[in-house]
C-alpha atoms as a PDB file:
ATOM      1  CA  MET A   1     124.452 -62.998  26.782  1.00  0.00           C
ATOM      2  CA  MET A   2     120.856 -64.026  27.659  1.00  0.00           C
ATOM      3  CA  SER A   3     118.620 -65.368  24.934  1.00  0.00           C
ATOM      4  CA  GLU A   4     115.247 -63.716  24.324  1.00  0.00           C
ATOM      5  CA  GLY A   5     113.467 -66.696  25.953  1.00  0.00           C
ATOM      6  CA  THR A   6     115.653 -66.506  29.046  1.00  0.00           C
ATOM      7  CA  MET A   7     115.029 -62.744  29.375  1.00  0.00           C
ATOM      8  CA  ARG A   8     111.253 -63.217  29.197  1.00  0.00           C
ATOM      9  CA  SER A   9     111.393 -66.013  31.830  1.00  0.00           C
ATOM     10  CA  ALA A  10     113.373 -63.752  34.164  1.00  0.00           C
ATOM     11  CA  GLN A  11     110.828 -60.963  33.654  1.00  0.00           C
ATOM     12  CA  ARG A  12     107.984 -63.289  34.641  1.00  0.00           C
ATOM     13  CA  ASP A  13     109.821 -64.416  37.781  1.00  0.00           C
ATOM     14  CA  LEU A  14     110.417 -60.795  38.761  1.00  0.00           C
ATOM     15  CA  CYS A  15     106.739 -60.020  38.303  1.00  0.00           C
ATOM     16  CA  ASP A  16     105.700 -62.953  40.436  1.00  0.00           C
ATOM     17  CA  GLN A  17     108.025 -61.790  43.207  1.00  0.00           C
ATOM     18  CA  ARG A  18     106.543 -58.243  43.040  1.00  0.00           C
ATOM     19  CA  VAL A  19     102.989 -59.557  43.244  1.00  0.00           C
ATOM     20  CA  ARG A  20     103.746 -61.742  46.288  1.00  0.00           C
ATOM     21  CA  ARG A  21     105.597 -58.915  48.034  1.00  0.00           C
ATOM     22  CA  PHE A  22     102.777 -56.414  47.506  1.00  0.00           C
ATOM     23  CA  GLY A  23     100.224 -59.016  48.531  1.00  0.00           C
ATOM     24  CA  ARG A  24     101.898 -59.562  51.894  1.00  0.00           C
ATOM     25  CA  VAL A  25     102.320 -55.855  52.580  1.00  0.00           C
ATOM     26  CA  LEU A  26      98.861 -54.616  51.577  1.00  0.00           C
ATOM     27  CA  LEU A  27      96.914 -57.780  52.540  1.00  0.00           C
ATOM     28  CA  GLY A  28      93.469 -57.745  51.070  1.00  0.00           C
ATOM     29  CA  ALA A  29      93.026 -54.006  50.722  1.00  0.00           C
ATOM     30  CA  ALA A  30      95.431 -54.104  47.826  1.00  0.00           C
ATOM     31  CA  ALA A  31      93.487 -56.714  45.904  1.00  0.00           C
ATOM     32  CA  VAL A  32      92.814 -54.382  42.999  1.00  0.00           C
ATOM     33  CA  PRO A  33      96.367 -53.005  42.761  1.00  0.00           C
ATOM     34  CA  VAL A  34      97.745 -56.534  42.860  1.00  0.00           C
ATOM     35  CA  VAL A  35      95.477 -57.585  40.032  1.00  0.00           C
ATOM     36  CA  LEU A  36      96.485 -54.521  38.020  1.00  0.00           C
ATOM     37  CA  LEU A  37     100.141 -55.169  38.695  1.00  0.00           C
ATOM     38  CA  ALA A  38      99.796 -58.782  37.660  1.00  0.00           C
ATOM     39  CA  ALA A  39      97.980 -57.781  34.504  1.00  0.00           C
ATOM     40  CA  GLY A  40     100.674 -55.238  33.703  1.00  0.00           C
ATOM     41  CA  CYS A  41     103.414 -57.802  34.107  1.00  0.00           C
ATOM     42  CA  SER A  42     101.680 -60.443  32.035  1.00  0.00           C
ATOM     43  CA  SER A  43     101.052 -58.000  29.180  1.00  0.00           C
ATOM     44  CA  ASP A  44     104.704 -58.168  28.188  1.00  0.00           C
ATOM     45  CA  SER A  45     104.354 -61.706  26.885  1.00  0.00           C
ATOM     46  CA  GLY A  46     103.770 -61.715  23.126  1.00  0.00           C
ATOM     47  CA  SER A  47     104.016 -57.906  23.013  1.00  0.00           C
ATOM     48  CA  ASP A  48     106.315 -57.986  19.993  1.00  0.00           C
ATOM     49  CA  GLU A  49     103.868 -60.109  18.014  1.00  0.00           C
ATOM     50  CA  ALA A  50     100.930 -57.910  19.020  1.00  0.00           C
ATOM     51  CA  SER A  51     102.906 -54.844  18.000  1.00  0.00           C
ATOM     52  CA  LYS A  52     103.591 -56.334  14.595  1.00  0.00           C
ATOM     53  CA  ASN A  53      99.928 -57.198  14.072  1.00  0.00           C
ATOM     54  CA  SER A  54      98.841 -53.728  15.168  1.00  0.00           C
ATOM     55  CA  THR A  55     101.310 -52.090  12.780  1.00  0.00           C
ATOM     56  CA  ALA A  56     100.069 -54.219   9.887  1.00  0.00           C
ATOM     57  CA  GLU A  57      96.437 -53.376  10.615  1.00  0.00           C
ATOM     58  CA  THR A  58      97.209 -49.672  10.901  1.00  0.00           C
ATOM     59  CA  SER A  59      99.124 -49.740   7.633  1.00  0.00           C
ATOM     60  CA  ALA A  60      96.248 -51.491   5.849  1.00  0.00           C
ATOM     61  CA  SER A  61      93.618 -49.090   7.165  1.00  0.00           C
ATOM     62  CA  ALA A  62      95.767 -46.090   6.251  1.00  0.00           C
ATOM     63  CA  SER A  63      95.908 -47.031   2.553  1.00  0.00           C
ATOM     64  CA  PRO A  64      94.341 -44.105   0.626  1.00  0.00           C
ATOM     65  CA  SER A  65      91.127 -44.646  -1.351  1.00  0.00           C
ATOM     66  CA  PRO A  66      91.324 -44.068  -5.124  1.00  0.00           C
ATOM     67  CA  THR A  67      90.541 -40.449  -6.051  1.00  0.00           C
ATOM     68  CA  VAL A  68      90.136 -38.346  -9.165  1.00  0.00           C
ATOM     69  CA  GLN A  69      90.525 -34.594  -9.455  1.00  0.00           C
ATOM     70  CA  ALA A  70      87.210 -32.776  -9.304  1.00  0.00           C
ATOM     71  CA  ALA A  71      85.950 -31.141 -12.489  1.00  0.00           C
ATOM     72  CA  ALA A  72      86.114 -27.353 -12.633  1.00  0.00           C
ATOM     73  CA  TYR A  73      82.478 -26.611 -13.487  1.00  0.00           C
ATOM     74  CA  GLY A  74      79.508 -28.140 -11.713  1.00  0.00           C
ATOM     75  CA  THR A  75      76.597 -26.560 -13.576  1.00  0.00           C
ATOM     76  CA  LEU A  76      75.490 -24.936 -16.825  1.00  0.00           C
ATOM     77  CA  PRO A  77      73.749 -21.614 -17.475  1.00  0.00           C
ATOM     78  CA  GLU A  78      70.216 -21.474 -18.865  1.00  0.00           C
ATOM     79  CA  ALA A  79      70.789 -22.185 -22.535  1.00  0.00           C
ATOM     80  CA  CYS A  80      68.448 -19.498 -23.872  1.00  0.00           C
ATOM     81  CA  SER A  81      70.172 -16.817 -21.800  1.00  0.00           C
ATOM     82  CA  VAL A  82      73.819 -17.416 -22.761  1.00  0.00           C
ATOM     83  CA  LEU A  83      73.768 -14.678 -25.426  1.00  0.00           C
ATOM     84  CA  THR A  84      72.980 -11.004 -24.923  1.00  0.00           C
ATOM     85  CA  LYS A  85      70.059  -9.275 -26.615  1.00  0.00           C
ATOM     86  CA  ASP A  86      72.463  -7.252 -28.759  1.00  0.00           C
ATOM     87  CA  THR A  87      74.253 -10.365 -29.996  1.00  0.00           C
ATOM     88  CA  LEU A  88      70.980 -12.116 -30.758  1.00  0.00           C
ATOM     89  CA  GLY A  89      69.871  -8.972 -32.590  1.00  0.00           C
ATOM     90  CA  ASP A  90      72.938  -9.251 -34.825  1.00  0.00           C
ATOM     91  CA  LEU A  91      72.678 -12.992 -35.492  1.00  0.00           C
ATOM     92  CA  VAL A  92      68.907 -13.516 -35.680  1.00  0.00           C
ATOM     93  CA  PRO A  93      67.450  -9.999 -36.105  1.00  0.00           C
ATOM     94  CA  GLU A  94      63.863 -11.149 -36.641  1.00  0.00           C
ATOM     95  CA  GLY A  95      63.988 -13.897 -34.050  1.00  0.00           C
ATOM     96  CA  ALA A  96      65.883 -12.588 -31.016  1.00  0.00           C
ATOM     97  CA  LYS A  97      62.904 -13.496 -28.801  1.00  0.00           C
ATOM     98  CA  SER A  98      62.197 -16.825 -30.468  1.00  0.00           C
ATOM     99  CA  GLY A  99      64.584 -18.900 -28.328  1.00  0.00           C
ATOM    100  CA  LYS A 100      63.374 -22.477 -27.937  1.00  0.00           C
ATOM    101  CA  GLU A 101      64.979 -24.573 -25.205  1.00  0.00           C
ATOM    102  CA  GLY A 102      65.945 -28.122 -26.147  1.00  0.00           C
ATOM    103  CA  LYS A 103      64.662 -31.094 -24.180  1.00  0.00           C
ATOM    104  CA  SER A 104      66.969 -32.370 -21.424  1.00  0.00           C
ATOM    105  CA  ASP A 105      66.523 -34.649 -18.427  1.00  0.00           C
ATOM    106  CA  ASP A 106      69.419 -32.913 -16.658  1.00  0.00           C
ATOM    107  CA  THR A 107      69.947 -29.253 -17.560  1.00  0.00           C
ATOM    108  CA  ALA A 108      73.003 -29.068 -15.260  1.00  0.00           C
ATOM    109  CA  SER A 109      74.790 -31.522 -17.572  1.00  0.00           C
ATOM    110  CA  ARG A 110      73.316 -30.831 -20.991  1.00  0.00           C
ATOM    111  CA  ALA A 111      71.377 -27.897 -22.370  1.00  0.00           C
ATOM    112  CA  SER A 112      70.578 -26.257 -25.697  1.00  0.00           C
ATOM    113  CA  CYS A 113      68.592 -23.447 -27.271  1.00  0.00           C
ATOM    114  CA  SER A 114      67.778 -22.517 -30.867  1.00  0.00           C
ATOM    115  CA  TRP A 115      66.563 -19.374 -32.617  1.00  0.00           C
ATOM    116  CA  SER A 116      65.319 -18.718 -36.163  1.00  0.00           C
ATOM    117  CA  SER A 117      64.909 -15.498 -38.106  1.00  0.00           C
ATOM    118  CA  LEU A 118      63.166 -14.763 -41.388  1.00  0.00           C
ATOM    119  CA  ASP A 119      63.446 -11.274 -42.854  1.00  0.00           C
ATOM    120  CA  ASN A 120      60.790 -11.337 -45.545  1.00  0.00           C
ATOM    121  CA  ASN A 121      61.286  -8.787 -48.310  1.00  0.00           C
ATOM    122  CA  GLY A 122      58.290  -9.803 -50.368  1.00  0.00           C
ATOM    123  CA  VAL A 123      58.979 -10.286 -54.074  1.00  0.00           C
ATOM    124  CA  LYS A 124      62.633  -9.505 -53.448  1.00  0.00           C
ATOM    125  CA  GLY A 125      63.028 -12.666 -51.396  1.00  0.00           C
ATOM    126  CA  SER A 126      63.962 -13.309 -47.782  1.00  0.00           C
ATOM    127  CA  GLN A 127      66.994 -13.560 -45.580  1.00  0.00           C
ATOM    128  CA  PHE A 128      66.934 -16.616 -43.319  1.00  0.00           C
ATOM    129  CA  ARG A 129      69.093 -17.225 -40.237  1.00  0.00           C
ATOM    130  CA  TRP A 130      69.195 -20.140 -37.809  1.00  0.00           C
ATOM    131  CA  LEU A 131      71.213 -20.354 -34.583  1.00  0.00           C
ATOM    132  CA  ASN A 132      71.707 -23.164 -32.087  1.00  0.00           C
ATOM    133  CA  VAL A 133      73.848 -23.336 -28.934  1.00  0.00           C
ATOM    134  CA  SER A 134      74.349 -26.674 -27.204  1.00  0.00           C
ATOM    135  CA  MET A 135      76.395 -27.367 -24.062  1.00  0.00           C
ATOM    136  CA  LEU A 136      77.569 -30.643 -22.560  1.00  0.00           C
ATOM    137  CA  ARG A 137      79.260 -30.862 -19.162  1.00  0.00           C
ATOM    138  CA  PHE A 138      81.363 -33.806 -17.994  1.00  0.00           C
ATOM    139  CA  ASP A 139      81.875 -34.737 -14.335  1.00  0.00           C
ATOM    140  CA  SER A 140      85.037 -36.455 -13.156  1.00  0.00           C
ATOM    141  CA  ASP A 141      84.586 -40.194 -12.744  1.00  0.00           C
ATOM    142  CA  LEU A 142      86.784 -42.813 -11.044  1.00  0.00           C
ATOM    143  CA  ALA A 143      86.251 -45.299 -13.868  1.00  0.00           C
ATOM    144  CA  ARG A 144      86.447 -42.898 -16.834  1.00  0.00           C
ATOM    145  CA  GLY A 145      88.832 -40.203 -15.610  1.00  0.00           C
ATOM    146  CA  GLU A 146      88.872 -36.446 -15.100  1.00  0.00           C
ATOM    147  CA  GLY A 147      86.105 -34.243 -16.450  1.00  0.00           C
ATOM    148  CA  ASP A 148      88.323 -32.044 -18.610  1.00  0.00           C
ATOM    149  CA  LYS A 149      89.900 -35.125 -20.220  1.00  0.00           C
ATOM    150  CA  LEU A 150      86.457 -36.514 -21.073  1.00  0.00           C
ATOM    151  CA  ALA A 151      85.444 -33.116 -22.436  1.00  0.00           C
ATOM    152  CA  ARG A 152      88.581 -32.977 -24.591  1.00  0.00           C
ATOM    153  CA  GLN A 153      87.764 -36.366 -26.086  1.00  0.00           C
ATOM    154  CA  TYR A 154      84.227 -35.262 -26.897  1.00  0.00           C
ATOM    155  CA  TYR A 155      85.493 -31.971 -28.334  1.00  0.00           C
ATOM    156  CA  GLU A 156      87.689 -33.858 -30.787  1.00  0.00           C
ATOM    157  CA  LYS A 157      84.849 -36.184 -31.779  1.00  0.00           C
ATOM    158  CA  GLN A 158      82.417 -33.300 -32.225  1.00  0.00           C
ATOM    159  CA  LEU A 159      84.905 -31.389 -34.338  1.00  0.00           C
ATOM    160  CA  ASN A 160      85.480 -34.417 -36.543  1.00  0.00           C
ATOM    161  CA  ASP A 161      81.718 -34.827 -37.030  1.00  0.00           C
ATOM    162  CA  VAL A 162      81.322 -31.176 -38.019  1.00  0.00           C
ATOM    163  CA  GLN A 163      84.168 -31.375 -40.522  1.00  0.00           C
ATOM    164  CA  SER A 164      82.684 -34.426 -42.222  1.00  0.00           C
ATOM    165  CA  VAL A 165      79.030 -33.439 -42.724  1.00  0.00           C
ATOM    166  CA  GLU A 166      77.522 -35.166 -45.724  1.00  0.00           C
ATOM    167  CA  GLY A 167      77.052 -32.844 -48.682  1.00  0.00           C
ATOM    168  CA  ALA A 168      79.300 -30.087 -47.302  1.00  0.00           C
ATOM    169  CA  LYS A 169      81.322 -28.143 -49.887  1.00  0.00           C
ATOM    170  CA  ASN A 170      84.340 -25.869 -49.480  1.00  0.00           C
ATOM    171  CA  VAL A 171      84.973 -26.954 -45.884  1.00  0.00           C
ATOM    172  CA  LYS A 172      87.395 -24.683 -44.036  1.00  0.00           C
ATOM    173  CA  SER A 173      88.573 -24.863 -40.412  1.00  0.00           C
ATOM    174  CA  GLU A 174      90.480 -22.376 -38.301  1.00  0.00           C
ATOM    175  CA  PRO A 175      91.408 -22.062 -34.627  1.00  0.00           C
ATOM    176  CA  VAL A 176      89.618 -19.386 -32.609  1.00  0.00           C
ATOM    177  CA  ALA A 177      91.826 -17.483 -30.181  1.00  0.00           C
ATOM    178  CA  GLY A 178      90.690 -16.218 -26.794  1.00  0.00           C
ATOM    179  CA  THR A 179      87.695 -18.550 -26.591  1.00  0.00           C
ATOM    180  CA  GLY A 180      87.835 -21.184 -23.852  1.00  0.00           C
ATOM    181  CA  ASP A 181      90.729 -23.622 -23.631  1.00  0.00           C
ATOM    182  CA  GLU A 182      90.436 -24.604 -27.277  1.00  0.00           C
ATOM    183  CA  ALA A 183      88.069 -23.619 -30.057  1.00  0.00           C
ATOM    184  CA  THR A 184      87.761 -24.237 -33.782  1.00  0.00           C
ATOM    185  CA  ALA A 185      85.500 -22.588 -36.338  1.00  0.00           C
ATOM    186  CA  VAL A 186      84.349 -24.702 -39.277  1.00  0.00           C
ATOM    187  CA  ARG A 187      82.480 -23.290 -42.245  1.00  0.00           C
ATOM    188  CA  TYR A 188      81.155 -24.764 -45.443  1.00  0.00           C
ATOM    189  CA  ASP A 189      78.495 -24.424 -48.142  1.00  0.00           C
ATOM    190  CA  LEU A 190      75.436 -26.639 -48.111  1.00  0.00           C
ATOM    191  CA  LYS A 191      72.960 -26.857 -50.952  1.00  0.00           C
ATOM    192  CA  LYS A 192      69.354 -27.471 -49.911  1.00  0.00           C
ATOM    193  CA  LYS A 193      66.091 -27.345 -51.846  1.00  0.00           C
ATOM    194  CA  GLU A 194      65.300 -23.963 -50.264  1.00  0.00           C
ATOM    195  CA  GLY A 195      68.566 -22.415 -51.409  1.00  0.00           C
ATOM    196  CA  ALA A 196      72.324 -22.202 -50.837  1.00  0.00           C
ATOM    197  CA  PHE A 197      73.187 -22.158 -47.120  1.00  0.00           C
ATOM    198  CA  LYS A 198      76.333 -20.821 -45.514  1.00  0.00           C
ATOM    199  CA  GLN A 199      77.046 -22.903 -42.402  1.00  0.00           C
ATOM    200  CA  GLN A 200      79.296 -21.807 -39.536  1.00  0.00           C
ATOM    201  CA  THR A 201      80.005 -24.045 -36.539  1.00  0.00           C
ATOM    202  CA  VAL A 202      82.251 -23.129 -33.616  1.00  0.00           C
ATOM    203  CA  VAL A 203      83.195 -25.993 -31.296  1.00  0.00           C
ATOM    204  CA  THR A 204      84.685 -24.855 -27.990  1.00  0.00           C
ATOM    205  CA  ARG A 205      85.964 -26.569 -24.867  1.00  0.00           C
ATOM    206  CA  VAL A 206      86.264 -24.681 -21.588  1.00  0.00           C
ATOM    207  CA  GLU A 207      87.482 -26.923 -18.760  1.00  0.00           C
ATOM    208  CA  ASN A 208      84.972 -29.808 -18.551  1.00  0.00           C
ATOM    209  CA  VAL A 209      82.307 -28.222 -20.795  1.00  0.00           C
ATOM    210  CA  VAL A 210      81.982 -28.471 -24.580  1.00  0.00           C
ATOM    211  CA  ILE A 211      79.951 -25.807 -26.409  1.00  0.00           C
ATOM    212  CA  THR A 212      78.824 -26.278 -29.997  1.00  0.00           C
ATOM    213  CA  LEU A 213      77.433 -23.191 -31.733  1.00  0.00           C
ATOM    214  CA  ASP A 214      75.767 -23.693 -35.110  1.00  0.00           C
ATOM    215  CA  TYR A 215      74.849 -20.688 -37.226  1.00  0.00           C
ATOM    216  CA  ASN A 216      73.688 -20.670 -40.814  1.00  0.00           C
ATOM    217  CA  GLY A 217      72.163 -18.253 -43.261  1.00  0.00           C
ATOM    218  CA  ALA A 218      70.661 -18.224 -46.714  1.00  0.00           C
ATOM    219  CA  GLY A 219      69.104 -15.863 -49.223  1.00  0.00           C
ATOM    220  CA  LEU A 220      65.758 -17.338 -50.240  1.00  0.00           C
ATOM    221  CA  ALA A 221      63.464 -16.700 -53.200  1.00  0.00           C
ATOM    222  CA  GLY A 222      65.988 -14.634 -55.115  1.00  0.00           C
ATOM    223  CA  GLU A 223      67.688 -12.848 -52.205  1.00  0.00           C
ATOM    224  CA  LYS A 224      71.481 -12.839 -52.349  1.00  0.00           C
ATOM    225  CA  THR A 225      73.484 -15.365 -50.347  1.00  0.00           C
ATOM    226  CA  PRO A 226      74.897 -13.890 -47.121  1.00  0.00           C
ATOM    227  CA  ASN A 227      78.611 -13.230 -46.792  1.00  0.00           C
ATOM    228  CA  ALA A 228      80.367 -16.184 -45.121  1.00  0.00           C
ATOM    229  CA  ASP A 229      83.050 -13.999 -43.512  1.00  0.00           C
ATOM    230  CA  THR A 230      80.383 -11.887 -41.812  1.00  0.00           C
ATOM    231  CA  LEU A 231      78.547 -14.965 -40.527  1.00  0.00           C
ATOM    232  CA  THR A 232      81.781 -16.465 -39.211  1.00  0.00           C
ATOM    233  CA  LYS A 233      82.676 -13.285 -37.367  1.00  0.00           C
ATOM    234  CA  LEU A 234      79.254 -13.237 -35.680  1.00  0.00           C
ATOM    235  CA  ALA A 235      79.487 -16.925 -34.765  1.00  0.00           C
ATOM    236  CA  LYS A 236      82.887 -16.435 -33.119  1.00  0.00           C
ATOM    237  CA  LYS A 237      81.556 -13.514 -31.077  1.00  0.00           C
ATOM    238  CA  ALA A 238      78.602 -15.577 -29.896  1.00  0.00           C
ATOM    239  CA  ALA A 239      80.835 -18.545 -28.958  1.00  0.00           C
ATOM    240  CA  LYS A 240      82.978 -16.282 -26.792  1.00  0.00           C
ATOM    241  CA  GLU A 241      79.854 -15.015 -25.016  1.00  0.00           C
ATOM    242  CA  ALA A 242      78.682 -18.566 -24.383  1.00  0.00           C
ATOM    243  CA  VAL A 243      82.026 -19.424 -22.746  1.00  0.00           C
ATOM    244  CA  ALA A 244      81.730 -16.379 -20.487  1.00  0.00           C
ATOM    245  CA  ALA A 245      78.189 -17.424 -19.546  1.00  0.00           C
ATOM    246  CA  VAL A 246      79.401 -20.843 -18.388  1.00  0.00           C
ATOM    247  CA  ALA A 247      82.084 -19.285 -16.193  1.00  0.00           C
ATOM    248  CA  LYS A 248      79.626 -16.747 -14.788  1.00  0.00           C
ATOM    249  CA  ALA A 249      77.038 -19.399 -13.939  1.00  0.00           C
ATOM    250  CA  ASN A 250      79.600 -21.298 -11.881  1.00  0.00           C
ATOM    251  CA  ASP A 251      80.912 -18.156 -10.168  1.00  0.00           C
ATOM    252  CA  LYS A 252      77.388 -17.319  -9.023  1.00  0.00           C
ATOM    253  CA  ALA A 253      76.738 -20.828  -7.785  1.00  0.00           C
ATOM    254  CA  GLY A 254      80.139 -21.043  -6.133  1.00  0.00           C
ATOM    255  CA  ASP A 255      79.980 -24.545  -7.456  1.00  0.00           C
ATOM    256  CA  LYS A 256      82.730 -26.980  -8.359  1.00  0.00           C
ATOM    257  CA  ALA A 257      81.752 -30.352  -9.719  1.00  0.00           C
ATOM    258  CA  ASP A 258      82.572 -33.342  -7.540  1.00  0.00           C
ATOM    259  CA  GLY A 259      84.323 -36.423  -8.819  1.00  0.00           C
ATOM    260  CA  GLY A 260      81.471 -38.760  -8.169  1.00  0.00           C
ATOM    261  CA  SER A 261      79.335 -39.288 -11.228  1.00  0.00           C
ATOM    262  CA  SER A 262      79.879 -39.232 -14.941  1.00  0.00           C
ATOM    263  CA  ALA A 263      78.106 -36.895 -17.315  1.00  0.00           C
ATOM    264  CA  SER A 264      74.975 -38.065 -18.987  1.00  0.00           C
ATOM    265  CA  ALA A 265      75.323 -39.577 -22.434  1.00  0.00           C
ATOM    266  CA  ALA A 266      76.545 -37.255 -25.146  1.00  0.00           C
ATOM    267  CA  PRO A 267      73.799 -35.433 -27.033  1.00  0.00           C
ATOM    268  CA  SER A 268      72.981 -36.296 -30.600  1.00  0.00           C
ATOM    269  CA  LYS A 269      75.073 -34.585 -33.238  1.00  0.00           C
ATOM    270  CA  SER A 270      74.215 -30.903 -33.493  1.00  0.00           C
ATOM    271  CA  ALA A 271      71.834 -30.149 -36.302  1.00  0.00           C
ATOM    272  CA  VAL A 272      73.599 -28.340 -39.092  1.00  0.00           C
ATOM    273  CA  GLY A 273      72.265 -26.517 -42.111  1.00  0.00           C
ATOM    274  CA  LYS A 274      68.723 -26.468 -40.726  1.00  0.00           C
ATOM    275  CA  SER A 275      66.092 -24.395 -42.359  1.00  0.00           C
END
C-alpha cells in the first residue's frame, strides 16, 4: 500500500506528463490551457491543510452573536390620557381636567400624570382627592437581561417601598386579578396636619412595563373621612384601564421594543399621601 507521500509524488509526475503531452500537441496556441492545467494539478498539494484551515475559519465566523429576547412593549401612552373621562370623574370629580404631566426626558420610557380634586362644602368642610399614575418601561439589554425580568425586579422593589411608607397605619395588601401580569393593591391610613388620609396604591406589571397608581382621599375641615373600600375599588378600576392603555398604545404603533438599550433610570418613589 502506497504512503500518502508516495501518492502525492505520483500525482505530480502524472501532472507533469499531461502538461508536456498537451504542450507538444497544441504548441503555443495552448499556452493558456497548459497554464490552467498546470495550476489545477499543483493545487492538490497541501489541499488537506487548506481545507482544514478553511473549515476552522468558517466555524469561527459562524459562531452566533449573543442575543437577548426583545421586550414586548416599545412605547408608552400619553400619561394624562390613560384614564377615561368617566373614570376621572369618579376618582377626581372636581379635577378631571386638571391633569398635570410629570417631567421626563424620555416619555417613551417613563411618564406620569397627576390630578387633584377639592369639593368645597363651605362650613361643612371639603372632600379632597389626589391621583397619580406613573409608568416605567424597561428595554431588553444584553448586559442586564430581558425587559420583563427587569420590570419584575422593579415591581417587587416598588411594592416593598409602598408597603413600608413611614407613618403608615393599618397597612393591608391584596392581589388584584385580571390586571396585567401581576398586580397588588396596598392601602393604609396616613395622618397629616390637614386631616386623616386614606391611601390606596396599586402596583402593576404588564410585560416590561410597571404602572404605579396612587390615589388618596380625605375629609377636611370637619368633613367625614372617605370610605377606604370605595377608594380601593376605584383605584383598581383605574389601574386596569392604565394597563389597557399601554397595550393599546403599542398596538397602534405596531411597535415591539428592541433588545438594544436599557431603560432609563428608575423614577423616584411615587409620592404617596400628598395633599
